[in-house]
Amino acid sequence: MARKTTTFKIEGYDKPFVVYELTLKQVMSFMQKDIQDTTIVGLFDQLKEFLPLASSLDIESLYDMPPSDIKVVWEKFKEVNTTFFEASQQAGLGELLGEVKKAAIADFGKLLVASSRQGMSES
């Protein structure tokens, strides 16, 4: 089975990153999950399972990345999975993906604030 991949470097990291095109089975499996916890913690729990299918990253590495580097990985993932994103838009999943993205961004902001407060209290 030939899936698209892309390998890229981000300045400051020793190893290159790889993102993979998802198979239909992987997409369907992910879409069928009942994601009730849409907080950033809940989404990251789902991501633990999904991340190894989509990239060479593990969840701990992702936790250590600044948002600007995560954005680079996300953009590369979207490039490799263009067909999936186009099909999901046509199937009406674009709104759902948009809502998940909005929730993730909002909760990610809250997580950053909470972690910065924690870091300040540890100083």
PDB file of N, CA and C in Angstrom:
ATOM      1  N   MET A   1       0.847  -1.149   0.000  1.00  0.00           N
ATOM      2  CA  MET A   1       0.000   0.000   0.000  1.00  0.00           C
ATOM      3  C   MET A   1       0.910   1.235   0.000  1.00  0.00           C
ATOM      4  N   ALA A   2       0.759   2.076  -1.000  1.00  0.00           N
ATOM      5  CA  ALA A   2       1.583   3.277  -1.126  1.00  0.00           C
ATOM      6  C   ALA A   2       0.840   4.480  -0.568  1.00  0.00           C
ATOM      7  N   ARG A   3       1.311   4.954   0.581  1.00  0.00           N
ATOM      8  CA  ARG A   3       0.726   6.161   1.174  1.00  0.00           C
ATOM      9  C   ARG A   3       1.712   7.298   0.989  1.00  0.00           C
ATOM     10  N   LYS A   4       1.175   8.493   0.846  1.00  0.00           N
ATOM     11  CA  LYS A   4       2.044   9.660   0.771  1.00  0.00           C
ATOM     12  C   LYS A   4       2.674   9.896   2.134  1.00  0.00           C
ATOM     13  N   THR A   5       3.901  10.359   2.113  1.00  0.00           N
ATOM     14  CA  THR A   5       4.578  10.804   3.328  1.00  0.00           C
ATOM     15  C   THR A   5       5.368  12.057   2.978  1.00  0.00           C
ATOM     16  N   THR A   6       5.679  12.809   3.983  1.00  0.00           N
ATOM     17  CA  THR A   6       6.616  13.906   3.797  1.00  0.00           C
ATOM     18  C   THR A   6       7.527  13.960   5.011  1.00  0.00           C
ATOM     19  N   THR A   7       8.793  14.168   4.736  1.00  0.00           N
ATOM     20  CA  THR A   7       9.804  14.283   5.780  1.00  0.00           C
ATOM     21  C   THR A   7      10.308  15.714   5.763  1.00  0.00           C
ATOM     22  N   PHE A   8      10.417  16.310   6.926  1.00  0.00           N
ATOM     23  CA  PHE A   8      10.828  17.708   7.003  1.00  0.00           C
ATOM     24  C   PHE A   8      11.565  17.961   8.312  1.00  0.00           C
ATOM     25  N   LYS A   9      12.319  19.031   8.334  1.00  0.00           N
ATOM     26  CA  LYS A   9      13.058  19.451   9.532  1.00  0.00           C
ATOM     27  C   LYS A   9      12.439  20.725  10.067  1.00  0.00           C
ATOM     28  N   ILE A  10      12.518  20.873  11.360  1.00  0.00           N
ATOM     29  CA  ILE A  10      12.176  22.124  12.027  1.00  0.00           C
ATOM     30  C   ILE A  10      13.424  22.535  12.801  1.00  0.00           C
ATOM     31  N   GLU A  11      13.806  23.781  12.629  1.00  0.00           N
ATOM     32  CA  GLU A  11      15.012  24.277  13.283  1.00  0.00           C
ATOM     33  C   GLU A  11      14.937  24.042  14.790  1.00  0.00           C
ATOM     34  N   GLY A  12      16.035  23.552  15.348  1.00  0.00           N
ATOM     35  CA  GLY A  12      16.105  23.320  16.791  1.00  0.00           C
ATOM     36  C   GLY A  12      15.879  21.868  17.196  1.00  0.00           C
ATOM     37  N   TYR A  13      15.528  21.010  16.230  1.00  0.00           N
ATOM     38  CA  TYR A  13      15.307  19.595  16.521  1.00  0.00           C
ATOM     39  C   TYR A  13      16.364  18.764  15.799  1.00  0.00           C
ATOM     40  N   ASP A  14      16.835  17.728  16.478  1.00  0.00           N
ATOM     41  CA  ASP A  14      17.880  16.886  15.898  1.00  0.00           C
ATOM     42  C   ASP A  14      17.374  16.019  14.759  1.00  0.00           C
ATOM     43  N   LYS A  15      16.238  15.395  14.981  1.00  0.00           N
ATOM     44  CA  LYS A  15      15.706  14.446  14.001  1.00  0.00           C
ATOM     45  C   LYS A  15      14.662  15.093  13.109  1.00  0.00           C
ATOM     46  N   PRO A  16      14.573  14.630  11.864  1.00  0.00           N
ATOM     47  CA  PRO A  16      13.498  15.116  10.998  1.00  0.00           C
ATOM     48  C   PRO A  16      12.155  14.515  11.441  1.00  0.00           C
ATOM     49  N   PHE A  17      11.092  15.146  11.030  1.00  0.00           N
ATOM     50  CA  PHE A  17       9.742  14.670  11.308  1.00  0.00           C
ATOM     51  C   PHE A  17       9.168  14.054  10.042  1.00  0.00           C
ATOM     52  N   VAL A  18       8.260  13.106  10.227  1.00  0.00           N
ATOM     53  CA  VAL A  18       7.573  12.475   9.103  1.00  0.00           C
ATOM     54  C   VAL A  18       6.079  12.525   9.394  1.00  0.00           C
ATOM     55  N   VAL A  19       5.287  12.909   8.387  1.00  0.00           N
ATOM     56  CA  VAL A  19       3.837  12.792   8.499  1.00  0.00           C
ATOM     57  C   VAL A  19       3.361  11.864   7.400  1.00  0.00           C
ATOM     58  N   TYR A  20       2.290  11.137   7.689  1.00  0.00           N
ATOM     59  CA  TYR A  20       1.793  10.096   6.805  1.00  0.00           C
ATOM     60  C   TYR A  20       0.381  10.408   6.324  1.00  0.00           C
ATOM     61  N   GLU A  21       0.090   9.969   5.133  1.00  0.00           N
ATOM     62  CA  GLU A  21      -1.280  10.012   4.643  1.00  0.00           C
ATOM     63  C   GLU A  21      -2.068   8.939   5.384  1.00  0.00           C
ATOM     64  N   LEU A  22      -3.251   9.290   5.825  1.00  0.00           N
ATOM     65  CA  LEU A  22      -4.088   8.331   6.533  1.00  0.00           C
ATOM     66  C   LEU A  22      -4.793   7.408   5.542  1.00  0.00           C
ATOM     67  N   THR A  23      -5.008   6.187   5.963  1.00  0.00           N
ATOM     68  CA  THR A  23      -5.794   5.261   5.152  1.00  0.00           C
ATOM     69  C   THR A  23      -7.275   5.505   5.453  1.00  0.00           C
ATOM     70  N   LEU A  24      -8.124   5.033   4.592  1.00  0.00           N
ATOM     71  CA  LEU A  24      -9.567   5.169   4.811  1.00  0.00           C
ATOM     72  C   LEU A  24      -9.971   4.499   6.126  1.00  0.00           C
ATOM     73  N   LYS A  25      -9.383   3.358   6.397  1.00  0.00           N
ATOM     74  CA  LYS A  25      -9.694   2.644   7.643  1.00  0.00           C
ATOM     75  C   LYS A  25      -9.334   3.500   8.862  1.00  0.00           C
ATOM     76  N   GLN A  26      -8.194   4.171   8.821  1.00  0.00           N
ATOM     77  CA  GLN A  26      -7.792   5.024   9.937  1.00  0.00           C
ATOM     78  C   GLN A  26      -8.732   6.216  10.096  1.00  0.00           C
ATOM     79  N   VAL A  27      -9.097   6.820   8.987  1.00  0.00           N
ATOM     80  CA  VAL A  27     -10.010   7.967   9.025  1.00  0.00           C
ATOM     81  C   VAL A  27     -11.351   7.535   9.589  1.00  0.00           C
ATOM     82  N   MET A  28     -11.886   6.433   9.085  1.00  0.00           N
ATOM     83  CA  MET A  28     -13.191   5.956   9.547  1.00  0.00           C
ATOM     84  C   MET A  28     -13.147   5.590  11.030  1.00  0.00           C
ATOM     85  N   SER A  29     -12.094   4.959  11.453  1.00  0.00           N
ATOM     86  CA  SER A  29     -11.952   4.580  12.857  1.00  0.00           C
ATOM     87  C   SER A  29     -11.958   5.814  13.754  1.00  0.00           C
ATOM     88  N   PHE A  30     -11.229   6.836  13.330  1.00  0.00           N
ATOM     89  CA  PHE A  30     -11.162   8.066  14.118  1.00  0.00           C
ATOM     90  C   PHE A  30     -12.515   8.784  14.136  1.00  0.00           C
ATOM     91  N   MET A  31     -13.185   8.841  12.986  1.00  0.00           N
ATOM     92  CA  MET A  31     -14.458   9.541  12.885  1.00  0.00           C
ATOM     93  C   MET A  31     -15.571   8.832  13.654  1.00  0.00           C
ATOM     94  N   GLN A  32     -15.449   7.523  13.835  1.00  0.00           N
ATOM     95  CA  GLN A  32     -16.489   6.774  14.531  1.00  0.00           C
ATOM     96  C   GLN A  32     -16.372   6.870  16.045  1.00  0.00           C
ATOM     97  N   LYS A  33     -15.276   7.407  16.526  1.00  0.00           N
ATOM     98  CA  LYS A  33     -15.100   7.528  17.975  1.00  0.00           C
ATOM     99  C   LYS A  33     -16.084   8.544  18.531  1.00  0.00           C
ATOM    100  N   ASP A  34     -16.601   8.235  19.683  1.00  0.00           N
ATOM    101  CA  ASP A  34     -17.521   9.124  20.364  1.00  0.00           C
ATOM    102  C   ASP A  34     -16.692  10.044  21.255  1.00  0.00           C
ATOM    103  N   ILE A  35     -16.372  11.205  20.730  1.00  0.00           N
ATOM    104  CA  ILE A  35     -15.531  12.148  21.466  1.00  0.00           C
ATOM    105  C   ILE A  35     -16.443  13.074  22.258  1.00  0.00           C
ATOM    106  N   GLN A  36     -16.623  12.737  23.514  1.00  0.00           N
ATOM    107  CA  GLN A  36     -17.497  13.535  24.365  1.00  0.00           C
ATOM    108  C   GLN A  36     -16.722  14.605  25.114  1.00  0.00           C
ATOM    109  N   ASP A  37     -15.460  14.341  25.389  1.00  0.00           N
ATOM    110  CA  ASP A  37     -14.640  15.310  26.116  1.00  0.00           C
ATOM    111  C   ASP A  37     -13.899  16.164  25.093  1.00  0.00           C
ATOM    112  N   THR A  38     -14.413  17.376  24.838  1.00  0.00           N
ATOM    113  CA  THR A  38     -13.793  18.246  23.841  1.00  0.00           C
ATOM    114  C   THR A  38     -12.871  19.281  24.478  1.00  0.00           C
ATOM    115  N   THR A  39     -12.508  19.061  25.745  1.00  0.00           N
ATOM    116  CA  THR A  39     -11.491  19.930  26.342  1.00  0.00           C
ATOM    117  C   THR A  39     -10.153  19.568  25.720  1.00  0.00           C
ATOM    118  N   ILE A  40      -9.171  20.409  25.911  1.00  0.00           N
ATOM    119  CA  ILE A  40      -7.851  20.126  25.348  1.00  0.00           C
ATOM    120  C   ILE A  40      -7.292  18.828  25.917  1.00  0.00           C
ATOM    121  N   VAL A  41      -7.564  18.545  27.192  1.00  0.00           N
ATOM    122  CA  VAL A  41      -7.081  17.302  27.800  1.00  0.00           C
ATOM    123  C   VAL A  41      -7.739  16.098  27.127  1.00  0.00           C
ATOM    124  N   GLY A  42      -9.041  16.178  26.897  1.00  0.00           N
ATOM    125  CA  GLY A  42      -9.752  15.093  26.223  1.00  0.00           C
ATOM    126  C   GLY A  42      -9.275  14.889  24.803  1.00  0.00           C
ATOM    127  N   LEU A  43      -9.065  16.004  24.097  1.00  0.00           N
ATOM    128  CA  LEU A  43      -8.577  15.892  22.718  1.00  0.00           C
ATOM    129  C   LEU A  43      -7.164  15.316  22.679  1.00  0.00           C
ATOM    130  N   PHE A  44      -6.317  15.695  23.639  1.00  0.00           N
ATOM    131  CA  PHE A  44      -4.965  15.142  23.683  1.00  0.00           C
ATOM    132  C   PHE A  44      -4.997  13.653  24.011  1.00  0.00           C
ATOM    133  N   ASP A  45      -5.967  13.217  24.825  1.00  0.00           N
ATOM    134  CA  ASP A  45      -6.109  11.783  25.088  1.00  0.00           C
ATOM    135  C   ASP A  45      -6.401  11.028  23.789  1.00  0.00           C
ATOM    136  N   GLN A  46      -7.284  11.591  22.954  1.00  0.00           N
ATOM    137  CA  GLN A  46      -7.581  10.979  21.658  1.00  0.00           C
ATOM    138  C   GLN A  46      -6.359  11.020  20.749  1.00  0.00           C
ATOM    139  N   LEU A  47      -5.623  12.104  20.862  1.00  0.00           N
ATOM    140  CA  LEU A  47      -4.443  12.292  20.026  1.00  0.00           C
ATOM    141  C   LEU A  47      -3.367  11.252  20.304  1.00  0.00           C
ATOM    142  N   LYS A  48      -3.291  10.784  21.542  1.00  0.00           N
ATOM    143  CA  LYS A  48      -2.296   9.760  21.897  1.00  0.00           C
ATOM    144  C   LYS A  48      -2.436   8.532  20.999  1.00  0.00           C
ATOM    145  N   GLU A  49      -3.661   8.181  20.698  1.00  0.00           N
ATOM    146  CA  GLU A  49      -3.935   7.018  19.845  1.00  0.00           C
ATOM    147  C   GLU A  49      -3.718   7.339  18.367  1.00  0.00           C
ATOM    148  N   PHE A  50      -4.096   8.545  17.980  1.00  0.00           N
ATOM    149  CA  PHE A  50      -4.084   8.951  16.581  1.00  0.00           C
ATOM    150  C   PHE A  50      -2.692   9.362  16.084  1.00  0.00           C
ATOM    151  N   LEU A  51      -1.920  10.006  16.939  1.00  0.00           N
ATOM    152  CA  LEU A  51      -0.642  10.602  16.542  1.00  0.00           C
ATOM    153  C   LEU A  51       0.329   9.622  15.870  1.00  0.00           C
ATOM    154  N   PRO A  52       0.528   8.424  16.404  1.00  0.00           N
ATOM    155  CA  PRO A  52       1.458   7.499  15.744  1.00  0.00           C
ATOM    156  C   PRO A  52       1.005   7.051  14.352  1.00  0.00           C
ATOM    157  N   LEU A  53      -0.292   7.123  14.091  1.00  0.00           N
ATOM    158  CA  LEU A  53      -0.794   6.768  12.760  1.00  0.00           C
ATOM    159  C   LEU A  53      -0.516   7.875  11.755  1.00  0.00           C
ATOM    160  N   ALA A  54      -0.410   9.106  12.244  1.00  0.00           N
ATOM    161  CA  ALA A  54      -0.306  10.273  11.372  1.00  0.00           C
ATOM    162  C   ALA A  54       1.098  10.846  11.259  1.00  0.00           C
ATOM    163  N   SER A  55       1.978  10.495  12.207  1.00  0.00           N
ATOM    164  CA  SER A  55       3.300  11.116  12.188  1.00  0.00           C
ATOM    165  C   SER A  55       4.321  10.296  12.968  1.00  0.00           C
ATOM    166  N   SER A  56       5.555  10.765  12.896  1.00  0.00           N
ATOM    167  CA  SER A  56       6.628  10.128  13.660  1.00  0.00           C
ATOM    168  C   SER A  56       6.713  10.682  15.080  1.00  0.00           C
ATOM    169  N   LEU A  57       5.840  11.603  15.417  1.00  0.00           N
ATOM    170  CA  LEU A  57       5.831  12.216  16.747  1.00  0.00           C
ATOM    171  C   LEU A  57       5.174  11.311  17.785  1.00  0.00           C
ATOM    172  N   ASP A  58       5.651  11.406  19.011  1.00  0.00           N
ATOM    173  CA  ASP A  58       4.923  10.793  20.114  1.00  0.00           C
ATOM    174  C   ASP A  58       4.323  11.929  20.943  1.00  0.00           C
ATOM    175  N   ILE A  59       3.412  11.611  21.809  1.00  0.00           N
ATOM    176  CA  ILE A  59       2.657  12.636  22.540  1.00  0.00           C
ATOM    177  C   ILE A  59       3.567  13.457  23.448  1.00  0.00           C
ATOM    178  N   GLU A  60       4.571  12.835  24.043  1.00  0.00           N
ATOM    179  CA  GLU A  60       5.471  13.581  24.927  1.00  0.00           C
ATOM    180  C   GLU A  60       6.260  14.624  24.141  1.00  0.00           C
ATOM    181  N   SER A  61       6.695  14.279  22.935  1.00  0.00           N
ATOM    182  CA  SER A  61       7.399  15.250  22.094  1.00  0.00           C
ATOM    183  C   SER A  61       6.476  16.403  21.727  1.00  0.00           C
ATOM    184  N   LEU A  62       5.228  16.073  21.440  1.00  0.00           N
ATOM    185  CA  LEU A  62       4.257  17.103  21.092  1.00  0.00           C
ATOM    186  C   LEU A  62       4.041  18.062  22.260  1.00  0.00           C
ATOM    187  N   TYR A  63       3.960  17.518  23.470  1.00  0.00           N
ATOM    188  CA  TYR A  63       3.771  18.358  24.654  1.00  0.00           C
ATOM    189  C   TYR A  63       4.914  19.355  24.820  1.00  0.00           C
ATOM    190  N   ASP A  64       6.107  18.974  24.388  1.00  0.00           N
ATOM    191  CA  ASP A  64       7.281  19.833  24.548  1.00  0.00           C
ATOM    192  C   ASP A  64       7.449  20.854  23.428  1.00  0.00           C
ATOM    193  N   MET A  65       6.596  20.799  22.423  1.00  0.00           N
ATOM    194  CA  MET A  65       6.736  21.697  21.274  1.00  0.00           C
ATOM    195  C   MET A  65       5.981  23.004  21.496  1.00  0.00           C
ATOM    196  N   PRO A  66       6.558  24.104  21.042  1.00  0.00           N
ATOM    197  CA  PRO A  66       5.804  25.360  21.079  1.00  0.00           C
ATOM    198  C   PRO A  66       4.725  25.343  19.994  1.00  0.00           C
ATOM    199  N   PRO A  67       3.671  26.126  20.174  1.00  0.00           N
ATOM    200  CA  PRO A  67       2.578  26.134  19.194  1.00  0.00           C
ATOM    201  C   PRO A  67       3.039  26.424  17.765  1.00  0.00           C
ATOM    202  N   SER A  68       4.056  27.250  17.591  1.00  0.00           N
ATOM    203  CA  SER A  68       4.520  27.562  16.232  1.00  0.00           C
ATOM    204  C   SER A  68       5.076  26.326  15.533  1.00  0.00           C
ATOM    205  N   ASP A  69       5.721  25.439  16.278  1.00  0.00           N
ATOM    206  CA  ASP A  69       6.244  24.205  15.683  1.00  0.00           C
ATOM    207  C   ASP A  69       5.114  23.204  15.427  1.00  0.00           C
ATOM    208  N   ILE A  70       4.129  23.169  16.325  1.00  0.00           N
ATOM    209  CA  ILE A  70       2.965  22.302  16.120  1.00  0.00           C
ATOM    210  C   ILE A  70       2.240  22.724  14.851  1.00  0.00           C
ATOM    211  N   LYS A  71       2.178  24.029  14.623  1.00  0.00           N
ATOM    212  CA  LYS A  71       1.528  24.538  13.411  1.00  0.00           C
ATOM    213  C   LYS A  71       2.245  24.041  12.163  1.00  0.00           C
ATOM    214  N   VAL A  72       3.570  23.983  12.183  1.00  0.00           N
ATOM    215  CA  VAL A  72       4.329  23.475  11.031  1.00  0.00           C
ATOM    216  C   VAL A  72       3.961  22.015  10.769  1.00  0.00           C
ATOM    217  N   VAL A  73       3.914  21.217  11.833  1.00  0.00           N
ATOM    218  CA  VAL A  73       3.553  19.801  11.689  1.00  0.00           C
ATOM    219  C   VAL A  73       2.139  19.684  11.133  1.00  0.00           C
ATOM    220  N   TRP A  74       1.212  20.481  11.663  1.00  0.00           N
ATOM    221  CA  TRP A  74      -0.186  20.446  11.207  1.00  0.00           C
ATOM    222  C   TRP A  74      -0.283  20.800   9.726  1.00  0.00           C
ATOM    223  N   GLU A  75       0.438  21.821   9.298  1.00  0.00           N
ATOM    224  CA  GLU A  75       0.405  22.228   7.887  1.00  0.00           C
ATOM    225  C   GLU A  75       0.937  21.111   6.988  1.00  0.00           C
ATOM    226  N   LYS A  76       1.988  20.441   7.409  1.00  0.00           N
ATOM    227  CA  LYS A  76       2.536  19.317   6.628  1.00  0.00           C
ATOM    228  C   LYS A  76       1.535  18.163   6.589  1.00  0.00           C
ATOM    229  N   PHE A  77       0.865  17.922   7.730  1.00  0.00           N
ATOM    230  CA  PHE A  77      -0.157  16.868   7.775  1.00  0.00           C
ATOM    231  C   PHE A  77      -1.277  17.184   6.795  1.00  0.00           C
ATOM    232  N   LYS A  78      -1.712  18.440   6.772  1.00  0.00           N
ATOM    233  CA  LYS A  78      -2.770  18.833   5.841  1.00  0.00           C
ATOM    234  C   LYS A  78      -2.329  18.670   4.394  1.00  0.00           C
ATOM    235  N   GLU A  79      -1.070  18.980   4.090  1.00  0.00           N
ATOM    236  CA  GLU A  79      -0.551  18.807   2.728  1.00  0.00           C
ATOM    237  C   GLU A  79      -0.628  17.349   2.295  1.00  0.00           C
ATOM    238  N   VAL A  80      -0.187  16.450   3.167  1.00  0.00           N
ATOM    239  CA  VAL A  80      -0.152  15.029   2.833  1.00  0.00           C
ATOM    240  C   VAL A  80      -1.558  14.439   2.752  1.00  0.00           C
ATOM    241  N   ASN A  81      -2.482  15.005   3.499  1.00  0.00           N
ATOM    242  CA  ASN A  81      -3.855  14.487   3.564  1.00  0.00           C
ATOM    243  C   ASN A  81      -4.859  15.405   2.868  1.00  0.00           C
ATOM    244  N   THR A  82      -4.413  16.099   1.844  1.00  0.00           N
ATOM    245  CA  THR A  82      -5.262  17.037   1.111  1.00  0.00           C
ATOM    246  C   THR A  82      -6.542  16.379   0.626  1.00  0.00           C
ATOM    247  N   THR A  83      -6.451  15.198   0.088  1.00  0.00           N
ATOM    248  CA  THR A  83      -7.625  14.510  -0.447  1.00  0.00           C
ATOM    249  C   THR A  83      -8.657  14.270   0.647  1.00  0.00           C
ATOM    250  N   PHE A  84      -8.207  13.860   1.824  1.00  0.00           N
ATOM    251  CA  PHE A  84      -9.123  13.649   2.945  1.00  0.00           C
ATOM    252  C   PHE A  84      -9.831  14.948   3.314  1.00  0.00           C
ATOM    253  N   PHE A  85      -9.084  16.033   3.431  1.00  0.00           N
ATOM    254  CA  PHE A  85      -9.693  17.311   3.825  1.00  0.00           C
ATOM    255  C   PHE A  85     -10.661  17.818   2.764  1.00  0.00           C
ATOM    256  N   GLU A  86     -10.330  17.639   1.494  1.00  0.00           N
ATOM    257  CA  GLU A  86     -11.247  18.042   0.423  1.00  0.00           C
ATOM    258  C   GLU A  86     -12.531  17.211   0.470  1.00  0.00           C
ATOM    259  N   ALA A  87     -12.381  15.901   0.651  1.00  0.00           N
ATOM    260  CA  ALA A  87     -13.551  15.017   0.708  1.00  0.00           C
ATOM    261  C   ALA A  87     -14.404  15.325   1.938  1.00  0.00           C
ATOM    262  N   SER A  88     -13.767  15.629   3.058  1.00  0.00           N
ATOM    263  CA  SER A  88     -14.536  15.926   4.268  1.00  0.00           C
ATOM    264  C   SER A  88     -15.311  17.224   4.110  1.00  0.00           C
ATOM    265  N   GLN A  89     -14.746  18.196   3.401  1.00  0.00           N
ATOM    266  CA  GLN A  89     -15.464  19.444   3.127  1.00  0.00           C
ATOM    267  C   GLN A  89     -16.706  19.145   2.284  1.00  0.00           C
ATOM    268  N   GLN A  90     -16.539  18.326   1.256  1.00  0.00           N
ATOM    269  CA  GLN A  90     -17.651  17.996   0.374  1.00  0.00           C
ATOM    270  C   GLN A  90     -18.718  17.183   1.086  1.00  0.00           C
ATOM    271  N   ALA A  91     -18.309  16.384   2.059  1.00  0.00           N
ATOM    272  CA  ALA A  91     -19.259  15.540   2.792  1.00  0.00           C
ATOM    273  C   ALA A  91     -19.917  16.290   3.950  1.00  0.00           C
ATOM    274  N   GLY A  92     -19.571  17.575   4.115  1.00  0.00           N
ATOM    275  CA  GLY A  92     -20.163  18.355   5.188  1.00  0.00           C
ATOM    276  C   GLY A  92     -19.463  18.223   6.521  1.00  0.00           C
ATOM    277  N   LEU A  93     -18.299  17.578   6.530  1.00  0.00           N
ATOM    278  CA  LEU A  93     -17.567  17.429   7.783  1.00  0.00           C
ATOM    279  C   LEU A  93     -16.723  18.661   8.093  1.00  0.00           C
ATOM    280  N   GLY A  94     -16.650  19.559   7.145  1.00  0.00           N
ATOM    281  CA  GLY A  94     -15.853  20.764   7.340  1.00  0.00           C
ATOM    282  C   GLY A  94     -16.293  21.548   8.556  1.00  0.00           C
ATOM    283  N   GLU A  95     -17.609  21.668   8.745  1.00  0.00           N
ATOM    284  CA  GLU A  95     -18.114  22.394   9.910  1.00  0.00           C
ATOM    285  C   GLU A  95     -17.736  21.686  11.203  1.00  0.00           C
ATOM    286  N   LEU A  96     -17.851  20.360  11.205  1.00  0.00           N
ATOM    287  CA  LEU A  96     -17.484  19.592  12.393  1.00  0.00           C
ATOM    288  C   LEU A  96     -16.003  19.776  12.702  1.00  0.00           C
ATOM    289  N   LEU A  97     -15.163  19.646  11.684  1.00  0.00           N
ATOM    290  CA  LEU A  97     -13.726  19.828  11.889  1.00  0.00           C
ATOM    291  C   LEU A  97     -13.430  21.251  12.357  1.00  0.00           C
ATOM    292  N   GLY A  98     -14.151  22.209  11.830  1.00  0.00           N
ATOM    293  CA  GLY A  98     -13.974  23.596  12.248  1.00  0.00           C
ATOM    294  C   GLY A  98     -14.324  23.798  13.711  1.00  0.00           C
ATOM    295  N   GLU A  99     -15.416  23.167  14.156  1.00  0.00           N
ATOM    296  CA  GLU A  99     -15.823  23.292  15.555  1.00  0.00           C
ATOM    297  C   GLU A  99     -14.811  22.625  16.482  1.00  0.00           C
ATOM    298  N   VAL A 100     -14.305  21.465  16.080  1.00  0.00           N
ATOM    299  CA  VAL A 100     -13.283  20.786  16.884  1.00  0.00           C
ATOM    300  C   VAL A 100     -12.043  21.664  16.970  1.00  0.00           C
ATOM    301  N   LYS A 101     -11.662  22.267  15.842  1.00  0.00           N
ATOM    302  CA  LYS A 101     -10.483  23.134  15.823  1.00  0.00           C
ATOM    303  C   LYS A 101     -10.690  24.340  16.744  1.00  0.00           C
ATOM    304  N   LYS A 102     -11.883  24.965  16.689  1.00  0.00           N
ATOM    305  CA  LYS A 102     -12.164  26.119  17.552  1.00  0.00           C
ATOM    306  C   LYS A 102     -12.059  25.724  19.024  1.00  0.00           C
ATOM    307  N   ALA A 103     -12.641  24.581  19.378  1.00  0.00           N
ATOM    308  CA  ALA A 103     -12.599  24.120  20.764  1.00  0.00           C
ATOM    309  C   ALA A 103     -11.161  23.844  21.194  1.00  0.00           C
ATOM    310  N   ALA A 104     -10.400  23.234  20.307  1.00  0.00           N
ATOM    311  CA  ALA A 104      -8.999  22.921  20.628  1.00  0.00           C
ATOM    312  C   ALA A 104      -8.203  24.198  20.839  1.00  0.00           C
ATOM    313  N   ILE A 105      -8.403  25.191  19.980  1.00  0.00           N
ATOM    314  CA  ILE A 105      -7.670  26.448  20.110  1.00  0.00           C
ATOM    315  C   ILE A 105      -8.044  27.154  21.411  1.00  0.00           C
ATOM    316  N   ALA A 106      -9.329  27.188  21.720  1.00  0.00           N
ATOM    317  CA  ALA A 106      -9.776  27.845  22.951  1.00  0.00           C
ATOM    318  C   ALA A 106      -9.190  27.154  24.175  1.00  0.00           C
ATOM    319  N   ASP A 107      -9.270  25.831  24.200  1.00  0.00           N
ATOM    320  CA  ASP A 107      -8.750  25.095  25.343  1.00  0.00           C
ATOM    321  C   ASP A 107      -7.236  25.125  25.396  1.00  0.00           C
ATOM    322  N   PHE A 108      -6.582  25.181  24.223  1.00  0.00           N
ATOM    323  CA  PHE A 108      -5.130  25.258  24.189  1.00  0.00           C
ATOM    324  C   PHE A 108      -4.674  26.564  24.842  1.00  0.00           C
ATOM    325  N   GLY A 109      -5.420  27.640  24.569  1.00  0.00           N
ATOM    326  CA  GLY A 109      -5.113  28.927  25.200  1.00  0.00           C
ATOM    327  C   GLY A 109      -5.240  28.847  26.706  1.00  0.00           C
ATOM    328  N   LYS A 110      -6.301  28.191  27.178  1.00  0.00           N
ATOM    329  CA  LYS A 110      -6.501  28.029  28.621  1.00  0.00           C
ATOM    330  C   LYS A 110      -5.366  27.200  29.226  1.00  0.00           C
ATOM    331  N   LEU A 111      -4.945  26.163  28.507  1.00  0.00           N
ATOM    332  CA  LEU A 111      -3.865  25.309  28.990  1.00  0.00           C
ATOM    333  C   LEU A 111      -2.565  26.096  29.090  1.00  0.00           C
ATOM    334  N   LEU A 112      -2.298  26.950  28.102  1.00  0.00           N
ATOM    335  CA  LEU A 112      -1.089  27.768  28.133  1.00  0.00           C
ATOM    336  C   LEU A 112      -1.100  28.715  29.323  1.00  0.00           C
ATOM    337  N   VAL A 113      -2.251  29.326  29.577  1.00  0.00           N
ATOM    338  CA  VAL A 113      -2.365  30.238  30.722  1.00  0.00           C
ATOM    339  C   VAL A 113      -2.136  29.472  32.010  1.00  0.00           C
ATOM    340  N   ALA A 114      -2.764  28.304  32.130  1.00  0.00           N
ATOM    341  CA  ALA A 114      -2.619  27.501  33.337  1.00  0.00           C
ATOM    342  C   ALA A 114      -1.177  27.044  33.532  1.00  0.00           C
ATOM    343  N   SER A 115      -0.515  26.639  32.444  1.00  0.00           N
ATOM    344  CA  SER A 115       0.859  26.167  32.582  1.00  0.00           C
ATOM    345  C   SER A 115       1.795  27.320  32.898  1.00  0.00           C
ATOM    346  N   SER A 116       1.513  28.517  32.385  1.00  0.00           N
ATOM    347  CA  SER A 116       2.379  29.649  32.694  1.00  0.00           C
ATOM    348  C   SER A 116       2.196  30.059  34.152  1.00  0.00           C
ATOM    349  N   ARG A 117       0.965  29.955  34.668  1.00  0.00           N
ATOM    350  CA  ARG A 117       0.746  30.250  36.085  1.00  0.00           C
ATOM    351  C   ARG A 117       1.463  29.240  36.968  1.00  0.00           C
ATOM    352  N   GLN A 118       1.412  27.956  36.544  1.00  0.00           N
ATOM    353  CA  GLN A 118       2.085  26.902  37.295  1.00  0.00           C
ATOM    354  C   GLN A 118       3.582  27.147  37.305  1.00  0.00           C
ATOM    355  N   GLY A 119       4.118  27.517  36.138  1.00  0.00           N
ATOM    356  CA  GLY A 119       5.552  27.796  36.042  1.00  0.00           C
ATOM    357  C   GLY A 119       5.957  28.965  36.908  1.00  0.00           C
ATOM    358  N   MET A 120       5.098  29.972  37.014  1.00  0.00           N
ATOM    359  CA  MET A 120       5.387  31.137  37.839  1.00  0.00           C
ATOM    360  C   MET A 120       5.350  30.779  39.319  1.00  0.00           C
ATOM    361  N   SER A 121       4.436  29.878  39.708  1.00  0.00           N
ATOM    362  CA  SER A 121       4.345  29.501  41.111  1.00  0.00           C
ATOM    363  C   SER A 121       5.495  28.593  41.529  1.00  0.00           C
ATOM    364  N   GLU A 122       6.102  27.905  40.556  1.00  0.00           N
ATOM    365  CA  GLU A 122       7.231  27.019  40.857  1.00  0.00           C
ATOM    366  C   GLU A 122       8.524  27.816  40.969  1.00  0.00           C
ATOM    367  N   SER A 123       8.547  29.053  40.471  1.00  0.00           N
ATOM    368  CA  SER A 123       9.766  29.868  40.501  1.00  0.00           C
ATOM    369  C   SER A 123      10.045  30.391  41.874  1.00  0.00           C
TER     370      SER A 123
END
